[in-house]
Amino acid sequence: MDLDEWRHRGRYVKAGGHELFLMDTDPAGGRAETILFIHGFPTAGWDFHRLVPGLQADYRLVVPDMLGFGFSDKPKGHDYRIHEQADLLETVIAGLGLGPFHVMAHDYGDSVAQEMLARENAKPRTERRWLSLCLLNGGLFPETHHARLSQKLLHGPLGPVIGRLMNRGTLERNLSAVFGPQTPPSEEDLDAFWALITEKRGDVVAHRLIRYIRDRRRHRERWVQALRAAAIPIQLINGSMDPVSGAHMVARYRELVSQRNIVELPRIGHYPQVEAPEEVLAHYRAFLDAHFPAGENT
């Protein structure tokens, strides 16, 4: 599905006074189960489009663009925070009337998922709706997040200038550096990524969105504990070649969280769902089948 078709098939929902773009493969809610996808920085929900064909026959797939990303609203001067993104997604979930659901998150979305999971853990068991969580490459621990120079500059005092100086060429260089050397982004992917970033002048708010780095440091203990205390099965699928959150992050995950349900893709970089969608699908479906055998998923 190319970006134009993705946009055509999606719709807008209201949350917190903002319009958020949403891809929903089963808006009538006919599927027994739902998977909520939470995307990363700096792109949008379209990052998951290659997983849709392998999942949509069995699951309702809900793929929002968070505030400041993709086709959603990108208010200027806004103080974007991970906690607010979690609030907005919870509003979307309530508005859609979702029952129990699975979650797959990537990059920035991992932090949003960690905050939402911390809230989920605090609920009485009868009120919990998360079935499982799958995490793709992301900064689960600030001490293992190796930010790129471009990220550091965007997060620094010159951030507003750096954001305005971004162009497709700089995007290509930055993304190619975090993809696996054998699985670089295609020209079509780069065109789509750039279109998603610049939609509604998103490049102007990039320096505000990247404040998630500060949030990760501030809420580290809460978000690490959310993973350790979770009562649901958690899977980690990680591209080892990622210089930002690759094999070194997995080693820390094994140390602090769990040795179980870990998949390492040795030749893949920061975007497993883009670089190796078939592998991600195979491992993810095996994880779901193992924990939720057919007929026992609801």
C-alpha atoms as a PDB file:
ATOM      1  CA  MET A   1       0.000   0.000   0.000  1.00  0.00           C
ATOM      2  CA  ASP A   2       1.568   3.284  -1.033  1.00  0.00           C
ATOM      3  CA  LEU A   3       1.224   6.458   0.999  1.00  0.00           C
ATOM      4  CA  ASP A   4      -1.588   7.902  -1.113  1.00  0.00           C
ATOM      5  CA  GLU A   5      -3.713   4.796  -0.677  1.00  0.00           C
ATOM      6  CA  TRP A   6      -2.913   4.711   3.033  1.00  0.00           C
ATOM      7  CA  ARG A   7      -4.144   8.267   3.391  1.00  0.00           C
ATOM      8  CA  HIS A   8      -7.234   7.615   1.293  1.00  0.00           C
ATOM      9  CA  ARG A   9      -8.202   4.618   3.428  1.00  0.00           C
ATOM     10  CA  GLY A  10      -7.666   6.450   6.707  1.00  0.00           C
ATOM     11  CA  ARG A  11      -9.832   8.935   8.563  1.00  0.00           C
ATOM     12  CA  TYR A  12      -9.611  11.596  11.256  1.00  0.00           C
ATOM     13  CA  VAL A  13     -10.726  11.356  14.869  1.00  0.00           C
ATOM     14  CA  LYS A  14     -10.902  14.027  17.556  1.00  0.00           C
ATOM     15  CA  ALA A  15      -8.784  13.766  20.679  1.00  0.00           C
ATOM     16  CA  GLY A  16      -7.918  16.506  23.142  1.00  0.00           C
ATOM     17  CA  GLY A  17      -9.134  19.198  20.784  1.00  0.00           C
ATOM     18  CA  HIS A  18      -6.893  17.944  17.978  1.00  0.00           C
ATOM     19  CA  GLU A  19      -7.511  15.935  14.808  1.00  0.00           C
ATOM     20  CA  LEU A  20      -5.512  12.743  14.639  1.00  0.00           C
ATOM     21  CA  PHE A  21      -5.203  10.658  11.496  1.00  0.00           C
ATOM     22  CA  LEU A  22      -6.107   7.009  11.932  1.00  0.00           C
ATOM     23  CA  MET A  23      -5.859   3.915   9.774  1.00  0.00           C
ATOM     24  CA  ASP A  24      -8.430   1.367  10.921  1.00  0.00           C
ATOM     25  CA  THR A  25      -8.700  -1.800   8.839  1.00  0.00           C
ATOM     26  CA  ASP A  26     -11.996  -2.870  10.431  1.00  0.00           C
ATOM     27  CA  PRO A  27     -13.947   0.206  11.562  1.00  0.00           C
ATOM     28  CA  ALA A  28     -17.109  -1.852  12.026  1.00  0.00           C
ATOM     29  CA  GLY A  29     -15.299  -3.910  14.667  1.00  0.00           C
ATOM     30  CA  GLY A  30     -16.059  -7.281  13.126  1.00  0.00           C
ATOM     31  CA  ARG A  31     -12.715  -8.865  14.044  1.00  0.00           C
ATOM     32  CA  ALA A  32     -12.490 -10.581  17.416  1.00  0.00           C
ATOM     33  CA  GLU A  33      -9.181  -8.978  18.337  1.00  0.00           C
ATOM     34  CA  THR A  34      -7.367  -5.703  17.759  1.00  0.00           C
ATOM     35  CA  ILE A  35      -3.728  -4.712  17.436  1.00  0.00           C
ATOM     36  CA  LEU A  36      -2.860  -1.096  18.248  1.00  0.00           C
ATOM     37  CA  PHE A  37       0.319   0.180  16.570  1.00  0.00           C
ATOM     38  CA  ILE A  38       2.352   3.044  18.047  1.00  0.00           C
ATOM     39  CA  HIS A  39       4.903   4.511  15.639  1.00  0.00           C
ATOM     40  CA  GLY A  40       8.271   6.168  16.105  1.00  0.00           C
ATOM     41  CA  PHE A  41      10.060   9.478  15.504  1.00  0.00           C
ATOM     42  CA  PRO A  42      10.140  11.239  13.086  1.00  0.00           C
ATOM     43  CA  THR A  43       7.698   9.461  10.789  1.00  0.00           C
ATOM     44  CA  ALA A  44       4.199   8.028  11.335  1.00  0.00           C
ATOM     45  CA  GLY A  45       1.891   5.015  11.387  1.00  0.00           C
ATOM     46  CA  TRP A  46       2.628   4.264   7.736  1.00  0.00           C
ATOM     47  CA  ASP A  47       5.883   2.725   9.001  1.00  0.00           C
ATOM     48  CA  PHE A  48       3.821  -0.413   9.723  1.00  0.00           C
ATOM     49  CA  HIS A  49       2.139  -0.676   6.321  1.00  0.00           C
ATOM     50  CA  ARG A  50       4.127  -3.745   5.252  1.00  0.00           C
ATOM     51  CA  LEU A  51       2.739  -5.703   8.210  1.00  0.00           C
ATOM     52  CA  VAL A  52      -0.889  -5.002   7.325  1.00  0.00           C
ATOM     53  CA  PRO A  53      -1.362  -7.679   4.606  1.00  0.00           C
ATOM     54  CA  GLY A  54      -0.150 -10.437   6.928  1.00  0.00           C
ATOM     55  CA  LEU A  55      -2.389  -9.479   9.848  1.00  0.00           C
ATOM     56  CA  GLN A  56      -5.578  -7.815   8.606  1.00  0.00           C
ATOM     57  CA  ALA A  57      -7.412 -11.073   7.844  1.00  0.00           C
ATOM     58  CA  ASP A  58      -7.324 -12.071  11.519  1.00  0.00           C
ATOM     59  CA  TYR A  59      -7.086  -8.808  13.433  1.00  0.00           C
ATOM     60  CA  ARG A  60      -8.488  -5.322  13.460  1.00  0.00           C
ATOM     61  CA  LEU A  61      -5.461  -3.076  12.967  1.00  0.00           C
ATOM     62  CA  VAL A  62      -5.623   0.407  14.474  1.00  0.00           C
ATOM     63  CA  VAL A  63      -2.720   2.616  13.383  1.00  0.00           C
ATOM     64  CA  PRO A  64      -2.865   6.269  14.502  1.00  0.00           C
ATOM     65  CA  ASP A  65      -0.497   9.104  13.700  1.00  0.00           C
ATOM     66  CA  MET A  66       0.329  10.741  17.021  1.00  0.00           C
ATOM     67  CA  LEU A  67       0.056  14.478  17.550  1.00  0.00           C
ATOM     68  CA  GLY A  68       2.812  16.253  15.625  1.00  0.00           C
ATOM     69  CA  PHE A  69       3.380  13.345  13.240  1.00  0.00           C
ATOM     70  CA  GLY A  70       2.266  12.250   9.797  1.00  0.00           C
ATOM     71  CA  PHE A  71      -1.167  13.471   8.749  1.00  0.00           C
ATOM     72  CA  SER A  72      -2.260  14.474  12.260  1.00  0.00           C
ATOM     73  CA  ASP A  73      -2.380  18.032  13.575  1.00  0.00           C
ATOM     74  CA  LYS A  74       1.005  19.653  14.243  1.00  0.00           C
ATOM     75  CA  PRO A  75       0.320  22.690  16.415  1.00  0.00           C
ATOM     76  CA  LYS A  76       3.172  25.178  16.475  1.00  0.00           C
ATOM     77  CA  GLY A  77       4.575  26.154  19.856  1.00  0.00           C
ATOM     78  CA  HIS A  78       3.061  23.039  21.430  1.00  0.00           C
ATOM     79  CA  ASP A  79       4.794  21.381  24.378  1.00  0.00           C
ATOM     80  CA  TYR A  80       4.791  17.804  23.088  1.00  0.00           C
ATOM     81  CA  ARG A  81       5.249  15.232  25.856  1.00  0.00           C
ATOM     82  CA  ILE A  82       5.087  11.451  26.039  1.00  0.00           C
ATOM     83  CA  HIS A  83       2.424  11.628  28.762  1.00  0.00           C
ATOM     84  CA  GLU A  84       0.194  13.723  26.496  1.00  0.00           C
ATOM     85  CA  GLN A  85       0.633  11.276  23.626  1.00  0.00           C
ATOM     86  CA  ALA A  86      -0.465   8.504  25.987  1.00  0.00           C
ATOM     87  CA  ASP A  87      -3.492  10.585  27.040  1.00  0.00           C
ATOM     88  CA  LEU A  88      -4.479  11.153  23.424  1.00  0.00           C
ATOM     89  CA  LEU A  89      -4.131   7.493  22.469  1.00  0.00           C
ATOM     90  CA  GLU A  90      -6.249   6.497  25.445  1.00  0.00           C
ATOM     91  CA  THR A  91      -8.893   8.942  24.210  1.00  0.00           C
ATOM     92  CA  VAL A  92      -8.746   7.342  20.755  1.00  0.00           C
ATOM     93  CA  ILE A  93      -9.043   3.852  22.263  1.00  0.00           C
ATOM     94  CA  ALA A  94     -12.076   4.888  24.293  1.00  0.00           C
ATOM     95  CA  GLY A  95     -13.658   6.609  21.303  1.00  0.00           C
ATOM     96  CA  LEU A  96     -13.303   3.477  19.202  1.00  0.00           C
ATOM     97  CA  GLY A  97     -14.744   1.366  21.986  1.00  0.00           C
ATOM     98  CA  LEU A  98     -11.936  -1.150  21.785  1.00  0.00           C
ATOM     99  CA  GLY A  99     -12.144  -4.293  23.856  1.00  0.00           C
ATOM    100  CA  PRO A 100      -8.989  -6.201  24.864  1.00  0.00           C
ATOM    101  CA  PHE A 101      -6.163  -5.475  22.424  1.00  0.00           C
ATOM    102  CA  HIS A 102      -2.538  -6.203  21.593  1.00  0.00           C
ATOM    103  CA  VAL A 103       0.061  -3.449  21.180  1.00  0.00           C
ATOM    104  CA  MET A 104       3.047  -3.181  18.853  1.00  0.00           C
ATOM    105  CA  ALA A 105       5.328  -0.161  19.275  1.00  0.00           C
ATOM    106  CA  HIS A 106       8.505   1.192  17.715  1.00  0.00           C
ATOM    107  CA  ASP A 107      11.115   3.807  18.724  1.00  0.00           C
ATOM    108  CA  TYR A 108       9.338   6.876  20.216  1.00  0.00           C
ATOM    109  CA  GLY A 109       6.256   4.671  20.384  1.00  0.00           C
ATOM    110  CA  ASP A 110       8.056   2.359  22.812  1.00  0.00           C
ATOM    111  CA  SER A 111       8.187   5.194  25.343  1.00  0.00           C
ATOM    112  CA  VAL A 112       4.505   5.973  24.827  1.00  0.00           C
ATOM    113  CA  ALA A 113       3.740   2.272  25.276  1.00  0.00           C
ATOM    114  CA  GLN A 114       5.813   2.152  28.477  1.00  0.00           C
ATOM    115  CA  GLU A 115       3.838   5.043  29.962  1.00  0.00           C
ATOM    116  CA  MET A 116       0.526   3.476  28.929  1.00  0.00           C
ATOM    117  CA  LEU A 117       1.647   0.126  30.337  1.00  0.00           C
ATOM    118  CA  ALA A 118       2.538   1.764  33.673  1.00  0.00           C
ATOM    119  CA  ARG A 119      -1.045   3.032  33.835  1.00  0.00           C
ATOM    120  CA  GLU A 120      -2.402  -0.347  32.792  1.00  0.00           C
ATOM    121  CA  ASN A 121      -0.418  -2.099  35.523  1.00  0.00           C
ATOM    122  CA  ALA A 122      -1.958   0.210  38.122  1.00  0.00           C
ATOM    123  CA  LYS A 123      -5.537  -0.743  37.224  1.00  0.00           C
ATOM    124  CA  PRO A 124      -7.522  -3.483  38.955  1.00  0.00           C
ATOM    125  CA  ARG A 125      -7.223  -6.725  36.990  1.00  0.00           C
ATOM    126  CA  THR A 126     -10.856  -6.588  35.935  1.00  0.00           C
ATOM    127  CA  GLU A 127     -10.254  -3.243  34.191  1.00  0.00           C
ATOM    128  CA  ARG A 128      -7.105  -4.156  32.265  1.00  0.00           C
ATOM    129  CA  ARG A 129      -7.461  -4.449  28.479  1.00  0.00           C
ATOM    130  CA  TRP A 130      -3.927  -5.032  27.203  1.00  0.00           C
ATOM    131  CA  LEU A 131      -3.360  -8.584  25.963  1.00  0.00           C
ATOM    132  CA  SER A 132       0.291  -8.367  24.927  1.00  0.00           C
ATOM    133  CA  LEU A 133       3.048  -5.953  23.939  1.00  0.00           C
ATOM    134  CA  CYS A 134       5.597  -6.247  21.135  1.00  0.00           C
ATOM    135  CA  LEU A 135       8.461  -3.752  21.160  1.00  0.00           C
ATOM    136  CA  LEU A 136      10.593  -2.961  18.120  1.00  0.00           C
ATOM    137  CA  ASN A 137      13.872  -1.012  18.279  1.00  0.00           C
ATOM    138  CA  GLY A 138      13.566   1.848  20.729  1.00  0.00           C
ATOM    139  CA  GLY A 139      15.209   3.650  23.628  1.00  0.00           C
ATOM    140  CA  LEU A 140      13.793   1.570  26.457  1.00  0.00           C
ATOM    141  CA  PHE A 141      16.664   2.675  28.686  1.00  0.00           C
ATOM    142  CA  PRO A 142      18.168   6.160  28.360  1.00  0.00           C
ATOM    143  CA  GLU A 143      21.600   4.828  29.294  1.00  0.00           C
ATOM    144  CA  THR A 144      21.652   2.656  26.157  1.00  0.00           C
ATOM    145  CA  HIS A 145      20.089   5.176  23.769  1.00  0.00           C
ATOM    146  CA  HIS A 146      22.956   6.262  21.498  1.00  0.00           C
ATOM    147  CA  ALA A 147      21.481   9.394  19.942  1.00  0.00           C
ATOM    148  CA  ARG A 148      22.819  10.409  16.540  1.00  0.00           C
ATOM    149  CA  LEU A 149      24.538  13.770  16.092  1.00  0.00           C
ATOM    150  CA  SER A 150      21.513  15.069  14.196  1.00  0.00           C
ATOM    151  CA  GLN A 151      19.264  14.146  17.130  1.00  0.00           C
ATOM    152  CA  LYS A 152      21.578  15.850  19.610  1.00  0.00           C
ATOM    153  CA  LEU A 153      21.624  19.012  17.522  1.00  0.00           C
ATOM    154  CA  LEU A 154      17.842  18.965  17.108  1.00  0.00           C
ATOM    155  CA  HIS A 155      17.469  18.523  20.868  1.00  0.00           C
ATOM    156  CA  GLY A 156      19.891  21.370  21.619  1.00  0.00           C
ATOM    157  CA  PRO A 157      19.572  25.168  21.625  1.00  0.00           C
ATOM    158  CA  LEU A 158      19.886  25.295  17.838  1.00  0.00           C
ATOM    159  CA  GLY A 159      17.003  22.842  17.411  1.00  0.00           C
ATOM    160  CA  PRO A 160      14.574  25.268  15.733  1.00  0.00           C
ATOM    161  CA  VAL A 161      17.209  26.185  13.149  1.00  0.00           C
ATOM    162  CA  ILE A 162      18.234  22.562  12.581  1.00  0.00           C
ATOM    163  CA  GLY A 163      14.618  21.590  11.977  1.00  0.00           C
ATOM    164  CA  ARG A 164      14.143  24.278   9.343  1.00  0.00           C
ATOM    165  CA  LEU A 165      17.376  23.265   7.614  1.00  0.00           C
ATOM    166  CA  MET A 166      16.284  19.661   7.201  1.00  0.00           C
ATOM    167  CA  ASN A 167      15.705  18.479   3.647  1.00  0.00           C
ATOM    168  CA  ARG A 168      15.217  15.197   1.885  1.00  0.00           C
ATOM    169  CA  GLY A 169      18.974  14.803   1.457  1.00  0.00           C
ATOM    170  CA  THR A 170      19.670  15.102   5.171  1.00  0.00           C
ATOM    171  CA  LEU A 171      16.807  12.727   5.890  1.00  0.00           C
ATOM    172  CA  GLU A 172      18.296  10.160   3.503  1.00  0.00           C
ATOM    173  CA  ARG A 173      21.716  10.411   5.146  1.00  0.00           C
ATOM    174  CA  ASN A 174      20.306  10.167   8.658  1.00  0.00           C
ATOM    175  CA  LEU A 175      17.980   7.251   7.956  1.00  0.00           C
ATOM    176  CA  SER A 176      20.494   5.328   5.855  1.00  0.00           C
ATOM    177  CA  ALA A 177      22.875   5.488   8.817  1.00  0.00           C
ATOM    178  CA  VAL A 178      20.433   3.615  11.081  1.00  0.00           C
ATOM    179  CA  PHE A 179      19.138   1.048   8.567  1.00  0.00           C
ATOM    180  CA  GLY A 180      21.060  -2.179   8.081  1.00  0.00           C
ATOM    181  CA  PRO A 181      23.752  -1.915   5.379  1.00  0.00           C
ATOM    182  CA  GLN A 182      22.045  -4.652   3.343  1.00  0.00           C
ATOM    183  CA  THR A 183      18.539  -3.236   3.793  1.00  0.00           C
ATOM    184  CA  PRO A 184      18.714   0.510   3.047  1.00  0.00           C
ATOM    185  CA  PRO A 185      15.525   2.545   2.603  1.00  0.00           C
ATOM    186  CA  SER A 186      14.255   2.669  -0.971  1.00  0.00           C
ATOM    187  CA  GLU A 187      13.726   5.911  -2.845  1.00  0.00           C
ATOM    188  CA  GLU A 188       9.986   5.366  -2.524  1.00  0.00           C
ATOM    189  CA  ASP A 189      10.295   4.898   1.232  1.00  0.00           C
ATOM    190  CA  LEU A 190      12.379   8.046   1.569  1.00  0.00           C
ATOM    191  CA  ASP A 191       9.895  10.052  -0.490  1.00  0.00           C
ATOM    192  CA  ALA A 192       7.070   8.856   1.754  1.00  0.00           C
ATOM    193  CA  PHE A 193       8.988   9.510   4.968  1.00  0.00           C
ATOM    194  CA  TRP A 194       9.821  13.032   3.818  1.00  0.00           C
ATOM    195  CA  ALA A 195       6.205  13.683   2.824  1.00  0.00           C
ATOM    196  CA  LEU A 196       5.027  12.542   6.274  1.00  0.00           C
ATOM    197  CA  ILE A 197       7.533  14.764   8.066  1.00  0.00           C
ATOM    198  CA  THR A 198       6.832  17.887   6.013  1.00  0.00           C
ATOM    199  CA  GLU A 199       3.040  17.477   5.928  1.00  0.00           C
ATOM    200  CA  LYS A 200       1.568  20.543   7.668  1.00  0.00           C
ATOM    201  CA  ARG A 201       5.145  21.829   8.136  1.00  0.00           C
ATOM    202  CA  GLY A 202       6.063  19.155  10.634  1.00  0.00           C
ATOM    203  CA  ASP A 203       9.727  20.004  10.182  1.00  0.00           C
ATOM    204  CA  VAL A 204       9.019  23.210  12.128  1.00  0.00           C
ATOM    205  CA  VAL A 205       7.966  21.252  15.243  1.00  0.00           C
ATOM    206  CA  ALA A 206      10.626  18.522  15.045  1.00  0.00           C
ATOM    207  CA  HIS A 207      12.742  20.172  17.746  1.00  0.00           C
ATOM    208  CA  ARG A 208       9.744  20.042  20.077  1.00  0.00           C
ATOM    209  CA  LEU A 209       8.882  16.424  19.335  1.00  0.00           C
ATOM    210  CA  ILE A 210      12.410  15.278  20.134  1.00  0.00           C
ATOM    211  CA  ARG A 211      11.962  16.374  23.732  1.00  0.00           C
ATOM    212  CA  TYR A 212      11.064  12.728  24.309  1.00  0.00           C
ATOM    213  CA  ILE A 213      14.777  12.277  25.056  1.00  0.00           C
ATOM    214  CA  ARG A 214      14.310  14.425  28.158  1.00  0.00           C
ATOM    215  CA  ASP A 215      11.122  12.548  29.087  1.00  0.00           C
ATOM    216  CA  ARG A 216      12.937   9.227  28.931  1.00  0.00           C
ATOM    217  CA  ARG A 217      15.528  10.388  31.418  1.00  0.00           C
ATOM    218  CA  ARG A 218      12.960  11.928  33.738  1.00  0.00           C
ATOM    219  CA  HIS A 219      10.672   8.897  33.826  1.00  0.00           C
ATOM    220  CA  ARG A 220      13.240   6.125  33.470  1.00  0.00           C
ATOM    221  CA  GLU A 221      12.403   4.300  36.708  1.00  0.00           C
ATOM    222  CA  ARG A 222       8.660   4.383  36.090  1.00  0.00           C
ATOM    223  CA  TRP A 223       8.994   3.125  32.535  1.00  0.00           C
ATOM    224  CA  VAL A 224      11.519   0.374  33.273  1.00  0.00           C
ATOM    225  CA  GLN A 225       9.379  -0.809  36.163  1.00  0.00           C
ATOM    226  CA  ALA A 226       6.352  -0.868  33.846  1.00  0.00           C
ATOM    227  CA  LEU A 227       8.081  -3.563  31.787  1.00  0.00           C
ATOM    228  CA  ARG A 228       9.274  -5.516  34.826  1.00  0.00           C
ATOM    229  CA  ALA A 229       5.867  -5.483  36.537  1.00  0.00           C
ATOM    230  CA  ALA A 230       3.762  -6.288  33.471  1.00  0.00           C
ATOM    231  CA  ALA A 231       1.308  -9.147  33.807  1.00  0.00           C
ATOM    232  CA  ILE A 232       1.058  -9.567  30.032  1.00  0.00           C
ATOM    233  CA  PRO A 233       3.493 -11.342  27.675  1.00  0.00           C
ATOM    234  CA  ILE A 234       6.063  -8.982  26.147  1.00  0.00           C
ATOM    235  CA  GLN A 235       8.065  -9.662  22.997  1.00  0.00           C
ATOM    236  CA  LEU A 236      11.148  -7.765  21.861  1.00  0.00           C
ATOM    237  CA  ILE A 237      12.018  -7.859  18.146  1.00  0.00           C
ATOM    238  CA  ASN A 238      15.238  -5.956  17.564  1.00  0.00           C
ATOM    239  CA  GLY A 239      17.462  -5.159  14.621  1.00  0.00           C
ATOM    240  CA  SER A 240      20.986  -5.729  15.916  1.00  0.00           C
ATOM    241  CA  MET A 241      22.699  -3.425  13.390  1.00  0.00           C
ATOM    242  CA  ASP A 242      20.895  -0.363  14.740  1.00  0.00           C
ATOM    243  CA  PRO A 243      23.545   2.035  16.130  1.00  0.00           C
ATOM    244  CA  VAL A 244      20.915   3.801  18.257  1.00  0.00           C
ATOM    245  CA  SER A 245      19.090   0.934  19.984  1.00  0.00           C
ATOM    246  CA  GLY A 246      20.620  -2.249  18.622  1.00  0.00           C
ATOM    247  CA  ALA A 247      22.341  -5.239  20.212  1.00  0.00           C
ATOM    248  CA  HIS A 248      23.635  -3.128  23.108  1.00  0.00           C
ATOM    249  CA  MET A 249      20.056  -2.260  24.106  1.00  0.00           C
ATOM    250  CA  VAL A 250      19.029  -5.927  23.989  1.00  0.00           C
ATOM    251  CA  ALA A 251      21.852  -6.807  26.372  1.00  0.00           C
ATOM    252  CA  ARG A 252      20.480  -4.264  28.848  1.00  0.00           C
ATOM    253  CA  TYR A 253      16.948  -5.606  28.353  1.00  0.00           C
ATOM    254  CA  ARG A 254      18.143  -9.109  29.243  1.00  0.00           C
ATOM    255  CA  GLU A 255      19.791  -7.714  32.346  1.00  0.00           C
ATOM    256  CA  LEU A 256      16.924  -5.555  33.607  1.00  0.00           C
ATOM    257  CA  VAL A 257      13.693  -7.022  32.231  1.00  0.00           C
ATOM    258  CA  SER A 258      13.653 -10.553  30.863  1.00  0.00           C
ATOM    259  CA  GLN A 259      15.486 -13.275  28.972  1.00  0.00           C
ATOM    260  CA  ARG A 260      12.285 -14.473  27.305  1.00  0.00           C
ATOM    261  CA  ASN A 261      10.555 -13.711  23.992  1.00  0.00           C
ATOM    262  CA  ILE A 262      13.556 -11.910  22.500  1.00  0.00           C
ATOM    263  CA  VAL A 263      14.187 -11.987  18.754  1.00  0.00           C
ATOM    264  CA  GLU A 264      17.430 -10.534  17.409  1.00  0.00           C
ATOM    265  CA  LEU A 265      17.680  -9.851  13.682  1.00  0.00           C
ATOM    266  CA  PRO A 266      21.451  -9.744  13.073  1.00  0.00           C
ATOM    267  CA  ARG A 267      21.493  -7.962   9.680  1.00  0.00           C
ATOM    268  CA  ILE A 268      18.670  -5.500  10.352  1.00  0.00           C
ATOM    269  CA  GLY A 269      18.833  -1.926  11.603  1.00  0.00           C
ATOM    270  CA  HIS A 270      16.490   0.457  13.386  1.00  0.00           C
ATOM    271  CA  TYR A 271      13.345  -0.194  11.299  1.00  0.00           C
ATOM    272  CA  PRO A 272      12.650  -3.974  11.372  1.00  0.00           C
ATOM    273  CA  GLN A 273       9.066  -3.519  10.156  1.00  0.00           C
ATOM    274  CA  VAL A 274      10.351  -1.701   7.065  1.00  0.00           C
ATOM    275  CA  GLU A 275      13.581  -3.621   6.454  1.00  0.00           C
ATOM    276  CA  ALA A 276      12.400  -7.171   7.203  1.00  0.00           C
ATOM    277  CA  PRO A 277       8.593  -7.232   7.416  1.00  0.00           C
ATOM    278  CA  GLU A 278       8.311 -10.952   6.604  1.00  0.00           C
ATOM    279  CA  GLU A 279      10.645 -11.856   9.469  1.00  0.00           C
ATOM    280  CA  VAL A 280       8.853  -9.538  11.863  1.00  0.00           C
ATOM    281  CA  LEU A 281       5.495 -11.014  10.885  1.00  0.00           C
ATOM    282  CA  ALA A 282       6.707 -14.587  11.282  1.00  0.00           C
ATOM    283  CA  HIS A 283       8.129 -13.971  14.745  1.00  0.00           C
ATOM    284  CA  TYR A 284       5.178 -11.864  15.861  1.00  0.00           C
ATOM    285  CA  ARG A 285       2.583 -14.380  14.739  1.00  0.00           C
ATOM    286  CA  ALA A 286       4.523 -17.179  16.439  1.00  0.00           C
ATOM    287  CA  PHE A 287       4.512 -15.108  19.642  1.00  0.00           C
ATOM    288  CA  LEU A 288       0.764 -14.476  19.437  1.00  0.00           C
ATOM    289  CA  ASP A 289       0.004 -18.102  18.606  1.00  0.00           C
ATOM    290  CA  ALA A 290       2.114 -19.331  21.506  1.00  0.00           C
ATOM    291  CA  HIS A 291       0.425 -17.120  24.078  1.00  0.00           C
ATOM    292  CA  PHE A 292      -3.052 -16.954  22.559  1.00  0.00           C
ATOM    293  CA  PRO A 293      -3.901 -20.265  20.867  1.00  0.00           C
ATOM    294  CA  ALA A 294      -6.777 -20.194  18.394  1.00  0.00           C
ATOM    295  CA  GLY A 295     -10.089 -19.952  20.181  1.00  0.00           C
ATOM    296  CA  GLU A 296      -8.519 -18.641  23.394  1.00  0.00           C
ATOM    297  CA  ASN A 297      -7.620 -15.132  22.256  1.00  0.00           C
ATOM    298  CA  THR A 298     -10.573 -13.213  23.632  1.00  0.00           C
END
